[in-house]
């Protein structure tokens, strides 16, 4: 019984997780938008978050997954910070994987 209580408390104490799939339209002058260095630079100083390339569409559009810790409002803050990047023309939230 003690084990069940401990497992239950751990599950409740688990932090919220950010997990969003995004379509990001970039300016045409971005030399290699699929480069991992470029992807991490889109996060600037957003510690605890990661961008993973999911695909590349014509017209300088990349599909990425944003993951990290934090509740939904914090995740939205990361997306808003990315929107301010001069290399980003637009960001569309495709879906929020569970």
N, C-alpha and C. Protein backbone atom coordinates (compact mmCIF):
# COMPACT_ATOMS: atom_id res chain seq x y z
N UNK A 1 0.83 -1.18 0.00
CA UNK A 1 0.00 0.00 0.00
C UNK A 1 0.88 1.25 0.00
N UNK A 2 1.96 1.22 0.76
CA UNK A 2 2.86 2.36 0.80
C UNK A 2 3.42 2.65 -0.59
N UNK A 3 3.74 1.60 -1.34
CA UNK A 3 4.25 1.78 -2.70
C UNK A 3 3.22 2.47 -3.59
N UNK A 4 1.96 2.10 -3.45
CA UNK A 4 0.90 2.73 -4.25
C UNK A 4 0.78 4.20 -3.92
N UNK A 5 0.91 4.57 -2.67
CA UNK A 5 0.84 5.97 -2.26
C UNK A 5 2.03 6.74 -2.82
N UNK A 6 3.22 6.15 -2.77
CA UNK A 6 4.40 6.81 -3.30
C UNK A 6 4.30 7.01 -4.81
N UNK A 7 3.87 6.00 -5.53
CA UNK A 7 3.70 6.11 -6.98
C UNK A 7 2.65 7.16 -7.30
N UNK A 8 1.57 7.18 -6.56
CA UNK A 8 0.51 8.15 -6.77
C UNK A 8 1.03 9.56 -6.55
N UNK A 9 1.83 9.79 -5.52
CA UNK A 9 2.37 11.11 -5.24
C UNK A 9 3.37 11.54 -6.30
N UNK A 10 4.15 10.61 -6.82
CA UNK A 10 5.10 10.94 -7.88
C UNK A 10 4.35 11.36 -9.14
N UNK A 11 3.30 10.66 -9.48
CA UNK A 11 2.52 11.00 -10.68
C UNK A 11 1.90 12.38 -10.54
N UNK A 12 1.40 12.72 -9.37
CA UNK A 12 0.78 14.03 -9.15
C UNK A 12 1.84 15.12 -9.19
N UNK A 13 3.05 14.82 -8.70
CA UNK A 13 4.10 15.82 -8.63
C UNK A 13 4.83 16.02 -9.95
N UNK A 14 4.53 15.23 -10.97
CA UNK A 14 5.19 15.36 -12.25
C UNK A 14 4.93 16.74 -12.85
N UNK A 15 5.97 17.40 -13.34
CA UNK A 15 5.77 18.73 -13.91
C UNK A 15 5.02 18.66 -15.23
N UNK A 16 4.39 19.77 -15.56
CA UNK A 16 3.69 19.87 -16.84
C UNK A 16 4.72 19.80 -17.97
N UNK A 17 4.31 19.26 -19.09
CA UNK A 17 5.22 19.09 -20.22
C UNK A 17 4.67 19.84 -21.43
N UNK A 18 5.57 20.51 -22.12
CA UNK A 18 5.24 21.22 -23.36
C UNK A 18 5.55 20.28 -24.52
N UNK A 19 4.60 20.11 -25.43
CA UNK A 19 4.81 19.26 -26.60
C UNK A 19 3.91 19.78 -27.71
N UNK A 20 4.51 20.53 -28.65
CA UNK A 20 3.73 21.14 -29.74
C UNK A 20 4.42 20.88 -31.08
N UNK A 21 3.61 20.66 -32.10
CA UNK A 21 4.13 20.56 -33.46
C UNK A 21 3.84 21.88 -34.16
N UNK A 22 4.88 22.46 -34.77
CA UNK A 22 4.78 23.78 -35.36
C UNK A 22 5.22 23.77 -36.82
N UNK A 23 4.54 24.55 -37.64
CA UNK A 23 5.01 24.85 -39.00
C UNK A 23 5.57 26.26 -38.94
N UNK A 24 6.84 26.38 -39.29
CA UNK A 24 7.53 27.67 -39.19
C UNK A 24 7.95 28.11 -40.58
N UNK A 25 7.43 29.24 -41.02
CA UNK A 25 7.83 29.81 -42.31
C UNK A 25 8.99 30.76 -42.06
N UNK A 26 10.10 30.50 -42.76
CA UNK A 26 11.32 31.27 -42.56
C UNK A 26 11.56 32.22 -43.72
N UNK A 27 12.39 33.21 -43.48
CA UNK A 27 12.77 34.10 -44.56
C UNK A 27 13.61 33.31 -45.57
N UNK A 28 13.54 33.67 -46.84
CA UNK A 28 14.27 32.90 -47.86
C UNK A 28 15.80 32.94 -47.71
N UNK A 29 16.33 33.87 -46.96
CA UNK A 29 17.79 33.99 -46.84
C UNK A 29 18.40 33.06 -45.79
N UNK A 30 17.60 32.24 -45.11
CA UNK A 30 18.15 31.28 -44.15
C UNK A 30 18.88 30.20 -44.96
N UNK A 31 20.21 30.07 -44.77
CA UNK A 31 20.98 29.17 -45.63
C UNK A 31 20.66 27.69 -45.47
N UNK A 32 20.51 27.21 -44.25
CA UNK A 32 20.27 25.78 -44.04
C UNK A 32 19.32 25.61 -42.85
N UNK A 33 18.02 25.72 -43.09
CA UNK A 33 17.07 25.69 -41.97
C UNK A 33 16.97 24.35 -41.26
N UNK A 34 17.52 23.29 -41.84
CA UNK A 34 17.44 21.99 -41.18
C UNK A 34 18.68 21.71 -40.31
N UNK A 35 19.62 22.63 -40.26
CA UNK A 35 20.81 22.50 -39.44
C UNK A 35 20.44 22.56 -37.97
N UNK A 36 20.99 21.64 -37.17
CA UNK A 36 20.65 21.60 -35.74
C UNK A 36 21.08 22.87 -35.02
N UNK A 37 22.16 23.49 -35.46
CA UNK A 37 22.59 24.75 -34.86
C UNK A 37 21.58 25.86 -35.11
N UNK A 38 21.01 25.87 -36.32
CA UNK A 38 19.98 26.87 -36.62
C UNK A 38 18.76 26.64 -35.75
N UNK A 39 18.33 25.38 -35.64
CA UNK A 39 17.14 25.07 -34.85
C UNK A 39 17.32 25.51 -33.40
N UNK A 40 18.46 25.21 -32.82
CA UNK A 40 18.67 25.61 -31.43
C UNK A 40 18.76 27.13 -31.29
N UNK A 41 19.24 27.81 -32.33
CA UNK A 41 19.32 29.27 -32.26
C UNK A 41 17.93 29.92 -32.24
N UNK A 42 16.93 29.22 -32.78
CA UNK A 42 15.56 29.76 -32.73
C UNK A 42 15.04 29.85 -31.30
N UNK A 43 15.59 29.02 -30.42
CA UNK A 43 15.15 29.04 -29.02
C UNK A 43 15.83 30.15 -28.23
N UNK A 44 16.85 30.76 -28.78
CA UNK A 44 17.69 31.78 -28.12
C UNK A 44 18.01 31.34 -26.70
N UNK A 45 17.46 31.98 -25.70
CA UNK A 45 17.83 31.66 -24.30
C UNK A 45 16.72 30.91 -23.56
N UNK A 46 15.89 30.18 -24.26
CA UNK A 46 14.79 29.43 -23.64
C UNK A 46 15.31 28.09 -23.12
N UNK A 47 15.88 28.10 -21.93
CA UNK A 47 16.45 26.88 -21.34
C UNK A 47 15.35 25.88 -21.03
N UNK A 48 15.66 24.61 -21.21
CA UNK A 48 14.71 23.55 -20.88
C UNK A 48 13.78 23.20 -22.03
N UNK A 49 14.02 23.76 -23.22
CA UNK A 49 13.18 23.47 -24.39
C UNK A 49 14.05 22.95 -25.52
N UNK A 50 13.44 22.18 -26.42
CA UNK A 50 14.17 21.58 -27.53
C UNK A 50 13.30 21.62 -28.78
N UNK A 51 13.94 21.85 -29.91
CA UNK A 51 13.28 21.78 -31.22
C UNK A 51 13.82 20.58 -31.97
N UNK A 52 12.91 19.77 -32.51
CA UNK A 52 13.28 18.60 -33.29
C UNK A 52 12.64 18.72 -34.67
N UNK A 53 13.45 18.60 -35.70
CA UNK A 53 12.95 18.68 -37.06
C UNK A 53 12.07 17.48 -37.38
N UNK A 54 10.87 17.75 -37.90
CA UNK A 54 9.94 16.70 -38.30
C UNK A 54 9.80 16.62 -39.82
N UNK A 55 10.08 17.73 -40.51
CA UNK A 55 9.97 17.74 -41.97
C UNK A 55 10.27 19.12 -42.52
N UNK A 56 10.31 19.17 -43.86
CA UNK A 56 10.62 20.41 -44.56
C UNK A 56 9.68 20.51 -45.74
N UNK A 57 8.99 21.62 -45.86
CA UNK A 57 8.04 21.83 -46.96
C UNK A 57 8.57 22.90 -47.91
N UNK A 58 8.10 22.90 -49.15
CA UNK A 58 8.52 23.94 -50.09
C UNK A 58 8.17 25.33 -49.55
N UNK A 59 8.97 26.31 -49.95
CA UNK A 59 8.69 27.68 -49.54
C UNK A 59 9.30 28.04 -48.20
N UNK A 60 10.41 27.42 -47.85
CA UNK A 60 11.12 27.72 -46.60
C UNK A 60 10.27 27.48 -45.36
N UNK A 61 9.51 26.40 -45.37
CA UNK A 61 8.69 26.03 -44.21
C UNK A 61 9.27 24.75 -43.61
N UNK A 62 9.55 24.81 -42.32
CA UNK A 62 10.00 23.62 -41.61
C UNK A 62 8.91 23.22 -40.62
N UNK A 63 8.82 21.93 -40.39
CA UNK A 63 7.90 21.39 -39.39
C UNK A 63 8.77 20.90 -38.25
N UNK A 64 8.52 21.44 -37.06
CA UNK A 64 9.34 21.11 -35.90
C UNK A 64 8.45 20.74 -34.72
N UNK A 65 9.03 20.01 -33.81
CA UNK A 65 8.34 19.69 -32.57
C UNK A 65 9.05 20.43 -31.44
N UNK A 66 8.29 21.17 -30.68
CA UNK A 66 8.79 21.89 -29.52
C UNK A 66 8.46 21.08 -28.28
N UNK A 67 9.47 20.72 -27.51
CA UNK A 67 9.26 19.97 -26.28
C UNK A 67 10.03 20.65 -25.16
N UNK A 68 9.53 20.45 -23.96
CA UNK A 68 10.21 21.00 -22.80
C UNK A 68 9.33 20.93 -21.57
N UNK A 69 9.83 21.51 -20.52
CA UNK A 69 9.07 21.51 -19.28
C UNK A 69 8.25 22.78 -19.18
N UNK A 70 7.21 22.70 -18.43
CA UNK A 70 6.42 23.89 -18.18
C UNK A 70 4.98 23.73 -18.61
N UNK A 71 4.12 24.47 -17.97
CA UNK A 71 2.70 24.43 -18.34
C UNK A 71 2.48 25.13 -19.69
N UNK A 72 1.29 24.99 -20.22
CA UNK A 72 0.95 25.53 -21.54
C UNK A 72 1.27 27.02 -21.70
N UNK A 73 0.98 27.88 -20.73
CA UNK A 73 1.32 29.29 -20.92
C UNK A 73 2.82 29.52 -21.12
N UNK A 74 3.64 28.76 -20.46
CA UNK A 74 5.10 28.89 -20.62
C UNK A 74 5.50 28.42 -22.02
N UNK A 75 4.88 27.36 -22.49
CA UNK A 75 5.14 26.86 -23.84
C UNK A 75 4.75 27.92 -24.88
N UNK A 76 3.62 28.55 -24.67
CA UNK A 76 3.18 29.63 -25.58
C UNK A 76 4.16 30.80 -25.56
N UNK A 77 4.76 31.07 -24.39
CA UNK A 77 5.76 32.14 -24.30
C UNK A 77 6.97 31.83 -25.18
N UNK A 78 7.36 30.56 -25.22
CA UNK A 78 8.49 30.15 -26.06
C UNK A 78 8.15 30.38 -27.53
N UNK A 79 6.93 30.01 -27.93
CA UNK A 79 6.50 30.22 -29.32
C UNK A 79 6.48 31.71 -29.65
N UNK A 80 5.98 32.53 -28.74
CA UNK A 80 5.94 33.98 -28.97
C UNK A 80 7.34 34.55 -29.11
N UNK A 81 8.28 34.06 -28.32
CA UNK A 81 9.67 34.52 -28.44
C UNK A 81 10.24 34.14 -29.80
N UNK A 82 9.92 32.95 -30.29
CA UNK A 82 10.38 32.52 -31.61
C UNK A 82 9.78 33.39 -32.71
N UNK A 83 8.54 33.82 -32.53
CA UNK A 83 7.89 34.69 -33.53
C UNK A 83 8.60 36.03 -33.70
N UNK A 84 9.31 36.46 -32.68
CA UNK A 84 10.02 37.74 -32.71
C UNK A 84 11.37 37.64 -33.43
N UNK A 85 11.81 36.42 -33.72
CA UNK A 85 13.07 36.22 -34.43
C UNK A 85 12.93 36.77 -35.84
N UNK A 86 13.89 37.55 -36.28
CA UNK A 86 13.84 38.18 -37.60
C UNK A 86 13.85 37.20 -38.76
N UNK A 87 14.25 35.96 -38.52
CA UNK A 87 14.28 34.96 -39.58
C UNK A 87 12.96 34.22 -39.72
N UNK A 88 12.02 34.49 -38.81
CA UNK A 88 10.73 33.81 -38.79
C UNK A 88 9.65 34.72 -39.36
N UNK A 89 8.97 34.25 -40.41
CA UNK A 89 7.86 35.02 -40.98
C UNK A 89 6.55 34.69 -40.28
N UNK A 90 6.34 33.41 -39.97
CA UNK A 90 5.11 33.01 -39.28
C UNK A 90 5.31 31.65 -38.61
N UNK A 91 4.50 31.41 -37.59
CA UNK A 91 4.48 30.12 -36.91
C UNK A 91 3.03 29.71 -36.76
N UNK A 92 2.75 28.48 -37.18
CA UNK A 92 1.40 27.93 -37.05
C UNK A 92 1.49 26.67 -36.20
N UNK A 93 0.63 26.60 -35.17
CA UNK A 93 0.58 25.40 -34.34
C UNK A 93 -0.25 24.36 -35.09
N UNK A 94 0.40 23.28 -35.55
CA UNK A 94 -0.28 22.24 -36.30
C UNK A 94 -1.13 21.35 -35.39
N UNK A 95 -0.52 20.94 -34.31
CA UNK A 95 -1.21 20.07 -33.36
C UNK A 95 -0.44 20.05 -32.07
N UNK A 96 -1.07 19.62 -31.03
CA UNK A 96 -0.41 19.47 -29.75
C UNK A 96 -0.46 18.00 -29.38
N UNK A 97 0.62 17.25 -29.67
CA UNK A 97 0.61 15.82 -29.35
C UNK A 97 0.41 15.62 -27.86
N UNK A 98 -0.23 14.52 -27.51
CA UNK A 98 -0.45 14.25 -26.09
C UNK A 98 0.72 13.55 -25.47
